[in-house]
PDB file of N, CA and C in Angstrom:
ATOM      1  N   MET A   1      26.179  27.254 -13.847  1.00  0.00           N
ATOM      2  CA  MET A   1      25.021  27.263 -12.988  1.00  0.00           C
ATOM      3  C   MET A   1      25.100  26.030 -12.086  1.00  0.00           C
ATOM      4  N   THR A   2      24.744  26.203 -10.849  1.00  0.00           N
ATOM      5  CA  THR A   2      24.752  25.081  -9.907  1.00  0.00           C
ATOM      6  C   THR A   2      23.327  24.699  -9.562  1.00  0.00           C
ATOM      7  N   THR A   3      23.187  23.501  -9.081  1.00  0.00           N
ATOM      8  CA  THR A   3      21.870  23.046  -8.662  1.00  0.00           C
ATOM      9  C   THR A   3      21.823  22.951  -7.151  1.00  0.00           C
ATOM     10  N   LEU A   4      20.649  23.087  -6.627  1.00  0.00           N
ATOM     11  CA  LEU A   4      20.458  22.980  -5.184  1.00  0.00           C
ATOM     12  C   LEU A   4      20.318  21.519  -4.787  1.00  0.00           C
ATOM     13  N   PRO A   5      20.682  21.205  -3.548  1.00  0.00           N
ATOM     14  CA  PRO A   5      20.477  19.820  -3.094  1.00  0.00           C
ATOM     15  C   PRO A   5      18.982  19.529  -2.992  1.00  0.00           C
ATOM     16  N   PRO A   6      18.607  18.268  -3.084  1.00  0.00           N
ATOM     17  CA  PRO A   6      17.179  17.927  -2.979  1.00  0.00           C
ATOM     18  C   PRO A   6      16.667  18.216  -1.573  1.00  0.00           C
ATOM     19  N   PRO A   7      15.388  18.436  -1.434  1.00  0.00           N
ATOM     20  CA  PRO A   7      14.845  18.686  -0.098  1.00  0.00           C
ATOM     21  C   PRO A   7      14.955  17.439   0.773  1.00  0.00           C
ATOM     22  N   ALA A   8      15.023  17.666   2.043  1.00  0.00           N
ATOM     23  CA  ALA A   8      15.118  16.550   2.988  1.00  0.00           C
ATOM     24  C   ALA A   8      13.812  15.756   2.972  1.00  0.00           C
ATOM     25  N   THR A   9      13.934  14.459   3.138  1.00  0.00           N
ATOM     26  CA  THR A   9      12.772  13.586   3.145  1.00  0.00           C
ATOM     27  C   THR A   9      12.301  13.383   4.576  1.00  0.00           C
ATOM     28  N   ARG A  10      11.013  13.605   4.795  1.00  0.00           N
ATOM     29  CA  ARG A  10      10.436  13.340   6.110  1.00  0.00           C
ATOM     30  C   ARG A  10       9.697  12.018   6.038  1.00  0.00           C
ATOM     31  N   TYR A  11      10.018  11.119   6.944  1.00  0.00           N
ATOM     32  CA  TYR A  11       9.383   9.808   6.967  1.00  0.00           C
ATOM     33  C   TYR A  11       8.262   9.799   7.988  1.00  0.00           C
ATOM     34  N   PHE A  12       7.265   8.929   7.751  1.00  0.00           N
ATOM     35  CA  PHE A  12       6.167   8.778   8.688  1.00  0.00           C
ATOM     36  C   PHE A  12       6.680   8.097   9.953  1.00  0.00           C
ATOM     37  N   PRO A  13       6.111   8.432  11.123  1.00  0.00           N
ATOM     38  CA  PRO A  13       6.448   7.682  12.332  1.00  0.00           C
ATOM     39  C   PRO A  13       6.038   6.214  12.173  1.00  0.00           C
ATOM     40  N   GLY A  14       6.731   5.317  12.828  1.00  0.00           N
ATOM     41  CA  GLY A  14       6.499   3.887  12.684  1.00  0.00           C
ATOM     42  C   GLY A  14       5.112   3.410  13.062  1.00  0.00           C
ATOM     43  N   ASN A  15       4.457   4.109  13.968  1.00  0.00           N
ATOM     44  CA  ASN A  15       3.132   3.668  14.419  1.00  0.00           C
ATOM     45  C   ASN A  15       1.990   4.415  13.730  1.00  0.00           C
ATOM     46  N   SER A  16       2.300   5.240  12.745  1.00  0.00           N
ATOM     47  CA  SER A  16       1.245   6.005  12.065  1.00  0.00           C
ATOM     48  C   SER A  16       0.475   5.104  11.103  1.00  0.00           C
ATOM     49  N   LEU A  17      -0.736   5.499  10.809  1.00  0.00           N
ATOM     50  CA  LEU A  17      -1.591   4.748   9.894  1.00  0.00           C
ATOM     51  C   LEU A  17      -0.966   4.682   8.501  1.00  0.00           C
ATOM     52  N   GLU A  18      -0.366   5.783   8.058  1.00  0.00           N
ATOM     53  CA  GLU A  18       0.262   5.814   6.741  1.00  0.00           C
ATOM     54  C   GLU A  18       1.359   4.761   6.630  1.00  0.00           C
ATOM     55  N   LYS A  19       2.231   4.725   7.618  1.00  0.00           N
ATOM     56  CA  LYS A  19       3.355   3.783   7.600  1.00  0.00           C
ATOM     57  C   LYS A  19       2.855   2.343   7.636  1.00  0.00           C
ATOM     58  N   GLN A  20       1.835   2.072   8.425  1.00  0.00           N
ATOM     59  CA  GLN A  20       1.304   0.716   8.518  1.00  0.00           C
ATOM     60  C   GLN A  20       0.705   0.274   7.191  1.00  0.00           C
ATOM     61  N   CYS A  21       0.014   1.171   6.495  1.00  0.00           N
ATOM     62  CA  CYS A  21      -0.582   0.821   5.200  1.00  0.00           C
ATOM     63  C   CYS A  21       0.496   0.579   4.149  1.00  0.00           C
ATOM     64  N   TYR A  22       1.511   1.422   4.128  1.00  0.00           N
ATOM     65  CA  TYR A  22       2.601   1.221   3.168  1.00  0.00           C
ATOM     66  C   TYR A  22       3.391  -0.049   3.491  1.00  0.00           C
ATOM     67  N   ASN A  23       3.526  -0.399   4.773  1.00  0.00           N
ATOM     68  CA  ASN A  23       4.200  -1.639   5.156  1.00  0.00           C
ATOM     69  C   ASN A  23       3.425  -2.864   4.682  1.00  0.00           C
ATOM     70  N   ILE A  24       2.093  -2.783   4.710  1.00  0.00           N
ATOM     71  CA  ILE A  24       1.279  -3.890   4.197  1.00  0.00           C
ATOM     72  C   ILE A  24       1.566  -4.094   2.723  1.00  0.00           C
ATOM     73  N   ALA A  25       1.636  -3.006   1.963  1.00  0.00           N
ATOM     74  CA  ALA A  25       1.929  -3.119   0.532  1.00  0.00           C
ATOM     75  C   ALA A  25       3.324  -3.696   0.315  1.00  0.00           C
ATOM     76  N   GLU A  26       4.283  -3.343   1.153  1.00  0.00           N
ATOM     77  CA  GLU A  26       5.656  -3.845   1.012  1.00  0.00           C
ATOM     78  C   GLU A  26       5.766  -5.324   1.380  1.00  0.00           C
ATOM     79  N   MET A  27       4.801  -5.864   2.106  1.00  0.00           N
ATOM     80  CA  MET A  27       4.827  -7.288   2.439  1.00  0.00           C
ATOM     81  C   MET A  27       4.719  -8.153   1.186  1.00  0.00           C
ATOM     82  N   PHE A  28       4.176  -7.613   0.128  1.00  0.00           N
ATOM     83  CA  PHE A  28       3.934  -8.371  -1.096  1.00  0.00           C
ATOM     84  C   PHE A  28       4.971  -8.049  -2.166  1.00  0.00           C
ATOM     85  N   ILE A  29       6.237  -7.905  -1.765  1.00  0.00           N
ATOM     86  CA  ILE A  29       7.302  -7.540  -2.695  1.00  0.00           C
ATOM     87  C   ILE A  29       7.524  -8.614  -3.761  1.00  0.00           C
ATOM     88  N   GLU A  30       7.296  -9.891  -3.425  1.00  0.00           N
ATOM     89  CA  GLU A  30       7.464 -10.954  -4.422  1.00  0.00           C
ATOM     90  C   GLU A  30       6.303 -10.977  -5.406  1.00  0.00           C
ATOM     91  N   ASN A  31       5.127 -10.602  -4.954  1.00  0.00           N
ATOM     92  CA  ASN A  31       3.928 -10.661  -5.795  1.00  0.00           C
ATOM     93  C   ASN A  31       3.673  -9.374  -6.573  1.00  0.00           C
ATOM     94  N   ILE A  32       4.190  -8.258  -6.071  1.00  0.00           N
ATOM     95  CA  ILE A  32       4.051  -6.966  -6.754  1.00  0.00           C
ATOM     96  C   ILE A  32       5.467  -6.430  -6.943  1.00  0.00           C
ATOM     97  N   PRO A  33       6.124  -6.773  -8.064  1.00  0.00           N
ATOM     98  CA  PRO A  33       7.539  -6.459  -8.222  1.00  0.00           C
ATOM     99  C   PRO A  33       7.850  -4.981  -8.491  1.00  0.00           C
ATOM    100  N   ILE A  34       6.907  -4.214  -8.971  1.00  0.00           N
ATOM    101  CA  ILE A  34       7.174  -2.823  -9.332  1.00  0.00           C
ATOM    102  C   ILE A  34       6.952  -1.929  -8.115  1.00  0.00           C
ATOM    103  N   VAL A  35       7.977  -1.142  -7.776  1.00  0.00           N
ATOM    104  CA  VAL A  35       7.940  -0.303  -6.580  1.00  0.00           C
ATOM    105  C   VAL A  35       6.785   0.692  -6.643  1.00  0.00           C
ATOM    106  N   ASN A  36       6.584   1.308  -7.783  1.00  0.00           N
ATOM    107  CA  ASN A  36       5.518   2.300  -7.900  1.00  0.00           C
ATOM    108  C   ASN A  36       4.137   1.670  -7.713  1.00  0.00           C
ATOM    109  N   ASP A  37       3.973   0.426  -8.132  1.00  0.00           N
ATOM    110  CA  ASP A  37       2.706  -0.272  -7.907  1.00  0.00           C
ATOM    111  C   ASP A  37       2.450  -0.477  -6.413  1.00  0.00           C
ATOM    112  N   ARG A  38       3.496  -0.826  -5.673  1.00  0.00           N
ATOM    113  CA  ARG A  38       3.344  -1.003  -4.228  1.00  0.00           C
ATOM    114  C   ARG A  38       3.043   0.328  -3.549  1.00  0.00           C
ATOM    115  N   ASN A  39       3.674   1.408  -4.016  1.00  0.00           N
ATOM    116  CA  ASN A  39       3.380   2.729  -3.457  1.00  0.00           C
ATOM    117  C   ASN A  39       1.932   3.126  -3.733  1.00  0.00           C
ATOM    118  N   ARG A  40       1.463   2.871  -4.942  1.00  0.00           N
ATOM    119  CA  ARG A  40       0.076   3.184  -5.300  1.00  0.00           C
ATOM    120  C   ARG A  40      -0.894   2.382  -4.443  1.00  0.00           C
ATOM    121  N   LEU A  41      -0.578   1.106  -4.242  1.00  0.00           N
ATOM    122  CA  LEU A  41      -1.428   0.258  -3.408  1.00  0.00           C
ATOM    123  C   LEU A  41      -1.441   0.756  -1.967  1.00  0.00           C
ATOM    124  N   GLY A  42      -0.277   1.113  -1.431  1.00  0.00           N
ATOM    125  CA  GLY A  42      -0.205   1.627  -0.065  1.00  0.00           C
ATOM    126  C   GLY A  42      -1.015   2.895   0.115  1.00  0.00           C
ATOM    127  N   PHE A  43      -0.948   3.794  -0.866  1.00  0.00           N
ATOM    128  CA  PHE A  43      -1.728   5.029  -0.808  1.00  0.00           C
ATOM    129  C   PHE A  43      -3.223   4.735  -0.820  1.00  0.00           C
ATOM    130  N   ASN A  44      -3.627   3.820  -1.683  1.00  0.00           N
ATOM    131  CA  ASN A  44      -5.054   3.480  -1.755  1.00  0.00           C
ATOM    132  C   ASN A  44      -5.534   2.758  -0.505  1.00  0.00           C
ATOM    133  N   LEU A  45      -4.681   1.946   0.112  1.00  0.00           N
ATOM    134  CA  LEU A  45      -5.041   1.309   1.383  1.00  0.00           C
ATOM    135  C   LEU A  45      -5.217   2.360   2.477  1.00  0.00           C
ATOM    136  N   TYR A  46      -4.345   3.358   2.467  1.00  0.00           N
ATOM    137  CA  TYR A  46      -4.448   4.441   3.446  1.00  0.00           C
ATOM    138  C   TYR A  46      -5.761   5.203   3.262  1.00  0.00           C
ATOM    139  N   LYS A  47      -6.115   5.508   2.023  1.00  0.00           N
ATOM    140  CA  LYS A  47      -7.373   6.204   1.765  1.00  0.00           C
ATOM    141  C   LYS A  47      -8.562   5.365   2.226  1.00  0.00           C
ATOM    142  N   TYR A  48      -8.490   4.055   2.019  1.00  0.00           N
ATOM    143  CA  TYR A  48      -9.569   3.165   2.467  1.00  0.00           C
ATOM    144  C   TYR A  48      -9.699   3.203   3.990  1.00  0.00           C
ATOM    145  N   MET A  49      -8.577   3.181   4.678  1.00  0.00           N
ATOM    146  CA  MET A  49      -8.609   3.187   6.141  1.00  0.00           C
ATOM    147  C   MET A  49      -9.154   4.511   6.680  1.00  0.00           C
ATOM    148  N   LYS A  50      -8.981   5.581   5.935  1.00  0.00           N
ATOM    149  CA  LYS A  50      -9.530   6.873   6.337  1.00  0.00           C
ATOM    150  C   LYS A  50     -11.003   7.000   5.983  1.00  0.00           C
ATOM    151  N   GLY A  51     -11.544   6.034   5.228  1.00  0.00           N
ATOM    152  CA  GLY A  51     -12.945   6.068   4.855  1.00  0.00           C
ATOM    153  C   GLY A  51     -13.198   6.758   3.524  1.00  0.00           C
ATOM    154  N   GLU A  52     -12.145   7.013   2.752  1.00  0.00           N
ATOM    155  CA  GLU A  52     -12.291   7.726   1.484  1.00  0.00           C
ATOM    156  C   GLU A  52     -12.161   6.824   0.262  1.00  0.00           C
ATOM    157  N   GLY A  53     -11.654   5.616   0.432  1.00  0.00           N
ATOM    158  CA  GLY A  53     -11.366   4.762  -0.714  1.00  0.00           C
ATOM    159  C   GLY A  53     -12.224   3.528  -0.786  1.00  0.00           C
ATOM    160  N   ASP A  54     -11.877   2.677  -1.737  1.00  0.00           N
ATOM    161  CA  ASP A  54     -12.609   1.434  -1.978  1.00  0.00           C
ATOM    162  C   ASP A  54     -12.042   0.290  -1.155  1.00  0.00           C
ATOM    163  N   LYS A  55     -12.839  -0.773  -1.037  1.00  0.00           N
ATOM    164  CA  LYS A  55     -12.415  -1.982  -0.341  1.00  0.00           C
ATOM    165  C   LYS A  55     -11.269  -2.646  -1.114  1.00  0.00           C
ATOM    166  N   PRO A  56     -10.461  -3.479  -0.435  1.00  0.00           N
ATOM    167  CA  PRO A  56      -9.355  -4.159  -1.119  1.00  0.00           C
ATOM    168  C   PRO A  56      -9.791  -4.981  -2.329  1.00  0.00           C
ATOM    169  N   GLU A  57     -10.992  -5.549  -2.286  1.00  0.00           N
ATOM    170  CA  GLU A  57     -11.466  -6.341  -3.425  1.00  0.00           C
ATOM    171  C   GLU A  57     -11.566  -5.480  -4.680  1.00  0.00           C
ATOM    172  N   ILE A  58     -11.933  -4.236  -4.512  1.00  0.00           N
ATOM    173  CA  ILE A  58     -12.047  -3.313  -5.641  1.00  0.00           C
ATOM    174  C   ILE A  58     -10.698  -2.691  -5.970  1.00  0.00           C
ATOM    175  N   LEU A  59      -9.904  -2.388  -4.932  1.00  0.00           N
ATOM    176  CA  LEU A  59      -8.594  -1.766  -5.137  1.00  0.00           C
ATOM    177  C   LEU A  59      -7.676  -2.601  -6.011  1.00  0.00           C
ATOM    178  N   VAL A  60      -7.668  -3.894  -5.786  1.00  0.00           N
ATOM    179  CA  VAL A  60      -6.773  -4.774  -6.535  1.00  0.00           C
ATOM    180  C   VAL A  60      -7.062  -4.689  -8.030  1.00  0.00           C
ATOM    181  N   LYS A  61      -8.318  -4.510  -8.374  1.00  0.00           N
ATOM    182  CA  LYS A  61      -8.692  -4.415  -9.783  1.00  0.00           C
ATOM    183  C   LYS A  61      -8.506  -3.002 -10.331  1.00  0.00           C
ATOM    184  N   SER A  62      -8.836  -1.990  -9.548  1.00  0.00           N
ATOM    185  CA  SER A  62      -8.841  -0.625 -10.059  1.00  0.00           C
ATOM    186  C   SER A  62      -7.469   0.046 -10.075  1.00  0.00           C
ATOM    187  N   THR A  63      -6.521  -0.415  -9.268  1.00  0.00           N
ATOM    188  CA  THR A  63      -5.210   0.229  -9.237  1.00  0.00           C
ATOM    189  C   THR A  63      -4.309  -0.207 -10.383  1.00  0.00           C
ATOM    190  N   LYS A  64      -4.701  -1.228 -11.104  1.00  0.00           N
ATOM    191  CA  LYS A  64      -3.966  -1.715 -12.281  1.00  0.00           C
ATOM    192  C   LYS A  64      -2.514  -2.062 -11.955  1.00  0.00           C
ATOM    193  N   ILE A  65      -2.338  -2.791 -10.845  1.00  0.00           N
ATOM    194  CA  ILE A  65      -0.992  -3.219 -10.453  1.00  0.00           C
ATOM    195  C   ILE A  65      -0.658  -4.550 -11.114  1.00  0.00           C
ATOM    196  N   LYS A  66       0.632  -4.775 -11.350  1.00  0.00           N
ATOM    197  CA  LYS A  66       1.097  -6.027 -11.941  1.00  0.00           C
ATOM    198  C   LYS A  66       1.278  -7.039 -10.809  1.00  0.00           C
ATOM    199  N   ILE A  67       0.551  -8.138 -10.884  1.00  0.00           N
ATOM    200  CA  ILE A  67       0.575  -9.167  -9.838  1.00  0.00           C
ATOM    201  C   ILE A  67       1.180 -10.442 -10.414  1.00  0.00           C
ATOM    202  N   ILE A  68       2.117 -11.041  -9.653  1.00  0.00           N
ATOM    203  CA  ILE A  68       2.793 -12.264 -10.085  1.00  0.00           C
ATOM    204  C   ILE A  68       2.645 -13.327  -8.999  1.00  0.00           C
ATOM    205  N   GLY A  69       2.262 -14.535  -9.388  1.00  0.00           N
ATOM    206  CA  GLY A  69       2.269 -15.677  -8.485  1.00  0.00           C
ATOM    207  C   GLY A  69       1.130 -15.753  -7.488  1.00  0.00           C
ATOM    208  N   ILE A  70       0.125 -14.933  -7.627  1.00  0.00           N
ATOM    209  CA  ILE A  70      -1.010 -14.943  -6.712  1.00  0.00           C
ATOM    210  C   ILE A  70      -2.213 -14.393  -7.489  1.00  0.00           C
ATOM    211  N   THR A  71      -3.382 -14.886  -7.144  1.00  0.00           N
ATOM    212  CA  THR A  71      -4.575 -14.381  -7.836  1.00  0.00           C
ATOM    213  C   THR A  71      -5.011 -13.059  -7.196  1.00  0.00           C
ATOM    214  N   LYS A  72      -5.800 -12.300  -7.932  1.00  0.00           N
ATOM    215  CA  LYS A  72      -6.291 -11.023  -7.410  1.00  0.00           C
ATOM    216  C   LYS A  72      -7.190 -11.246  -6.195  1.00  0.00           C
ATOM    217  N   GLU A  73      -7.969 -12.304  -6.224  1.00  0.00           N
ATOM    218  CA  GLU A  73      -8.871 -12.596  -5.116  1.00  0.00           C
ATOM    219  C   GLU A  73      -8.095 -12.939  -3.846  1.00  0.00           C
ATOM    220  N   GLU A  74      -7.034 -13.733  -4.013  1.00  0.00           N
ATOM    221  CA  GLU A  74      -6.225 -14.111  -2.858  1.00  0.00           C
ATOM    222  C   GLU A  74      -5.482 -12.903  -2.290  1.00  0.00           C
ATOM    223  N   LEU A  75      -4.968 -12.047  -3.165  1.00  0.00           N
ATOM    224  CA  LEU A  75      -4.290 -10.826  -2.714  1.00  0.00           C
ATOM    225  C   LEU A  75      -5.272  -9.936  -1.954  1.00  0.00           C
ATOM    226  N   ALA A  76      -6.477  -9.774  -2.463  1.00  0.00           N
ATOM    227  CA  ALA A  76      -7.486  -8.955  -1.792  1.00  0.00           C
ATOM    228  C   ALA A  76      -7.827  -9.526  -0.419  1.00  0.00           C
ATOM    229  N   ARG A  77      -7.914 -10.848  -0.319  1.00  0.00           N
ATOM    230  CA  ARG A  77      -8.212 -11.484   0.971  1.00  0.00           C
ATOM    231  C   ARG A  77      -7.089 -11.230   1.969  1.00  0.00           C
ATOM    232  N   LYS A  78      -5.842 -11.361   1.523  1.00  0.00           N
ATOM    233  CA  LYS A  78      -4.698 -11.135   2.414  1.00  0.00           C
ATOM    234  C   LYS A  78      -4.610  -9.669   2.836  1.00  0.00           C
ATOM    235  N   LEU A  79      -4.929  -8.759   1.922  1.00  0.00           N
ATOM    236  CA  LEU A  79      -4.924  -7.338   2.271  1.00  0.00           C
ATOM    237  C   LEU A  79      -5.994  -7.045   3.317  1.00  0.00           C
ATOM    238  N   SER A  80      -7.174  -7.632   3.153  1.00  0.00           N
ATOM    239  CA  SER A  80      -8.259  -7.430   4.119  1.00  0.00           C
ATOM    240  C   SER A  80      -7.870  -7.942   5.499  1.00  0.00           C
ATOM    241  N   GLU A  81      -7.222  -9.089   5.534  1.00  0.00           N
ATOM    242  CA  GLU A  81      -6.776  -9.649   6.818  1.00  0.00           C
ATOM    243  C   GLU A  81      -5.758  -8.732   7.495  1.00  0.00           C
ATOM    244  N   ALA A  82      -4.817  -8.212   6.712  1.00  0.00           N
ATOM    245  CA  ALA A  82      -3.806  -7.320   7.274  1.00  0.00           C
ATOM    246  C   ALA A  82      -4.421  -6.010   7.771  1.00  0.00           C
ATOM    247  N   LEU A  83      -5.421  -5.520   7.067  1.00  0.00           N
ATOM    248  CA  LEU A  83      -6.077  -4.276   7.478  1.00  0.00           C
ATOM    249  C   LEU A  83      -6.884  -4.466   8.767  1.00  0.00           C
ATOM    250  N   THR A  84      -7.479  -5.645   8.943  1.00  0.00           N
ATOM    251  CA  THR A  84      -8.219  -5.883  10.182  1.00  0.00           C
ATOM    252  C   THR A  84      -7.286  -5.936  11.385  1.00  0.00           C
ATOM    253  N   LYS A  85      -6.049  -6.373  11.168  1.00  0.00           N
ATOM    254  CA  LYS A  85      -5.066  -6.357  12.269  1.00  0.00           C
ATOM    255  C   LYS A  85      -4.737  -4.928  12.682  1.00  0.00           C
ATOM    256  N   ILE A  86      -4.699  -4.016  11.714  1.00  0.00           N
ATOM    257  CA  ILE A  86      -4.455  -2.610  12.028  1.00  0.00           C
ATOM    258  C   ILE A  86      -5.634  -2.043  12.815  1.00  0.00           C
ATOM    259  N   GLU A  87      -6.839  -2.370  12.405  1.00  0.00           N
ATOM    260  CA  GLU A  87      -8.038  -1.842  13.062  1.00  0.00           C
ATOM    261  C   GLU A  87      -8.119  -2.306  14.510  1.00  0.00           C
ATOM    262  N   LYS A  88      -7.675  -3.531  14.788  1.00  0.00           N
ATOM    263  CA  LYS A  88      -7.750  -4.073  16.138  1.00  0.00           C
ATOM    264  C   LYS A  88      -6.719  -3.444  17.063  1.00  0.00           C
ATOM    265  N   SER A  89      -5.603  -2.978  16.507  1.00  0.00           N
ATOM    266  CA  SER A  89      -4.555  -2.409  17.369  1.00  0.00           C
ATOM    267  C   SER A  89      -4.730  -0.939  17.620  1.00  0.00           C
TER     268      SER A  89
END
């Protein structure tokens, strides 16, 4: 029996809201070492920007991500600052 090749991956355009939110999560690669945690954070940031999710102050606590070298409050503040840059552009 043979297996089929995996489906092709479609990436978000560089200027899309989804890509910008996931890029914000990737900025914290030293502080959030687990890839899946960064993906979860990016998804929740995207939901927040669409008006469906919680603020970064709540997200940092509720997503149960592993944080190294930075406090949850400081991470939430930096996320809020990065999100305001998206809103302005």
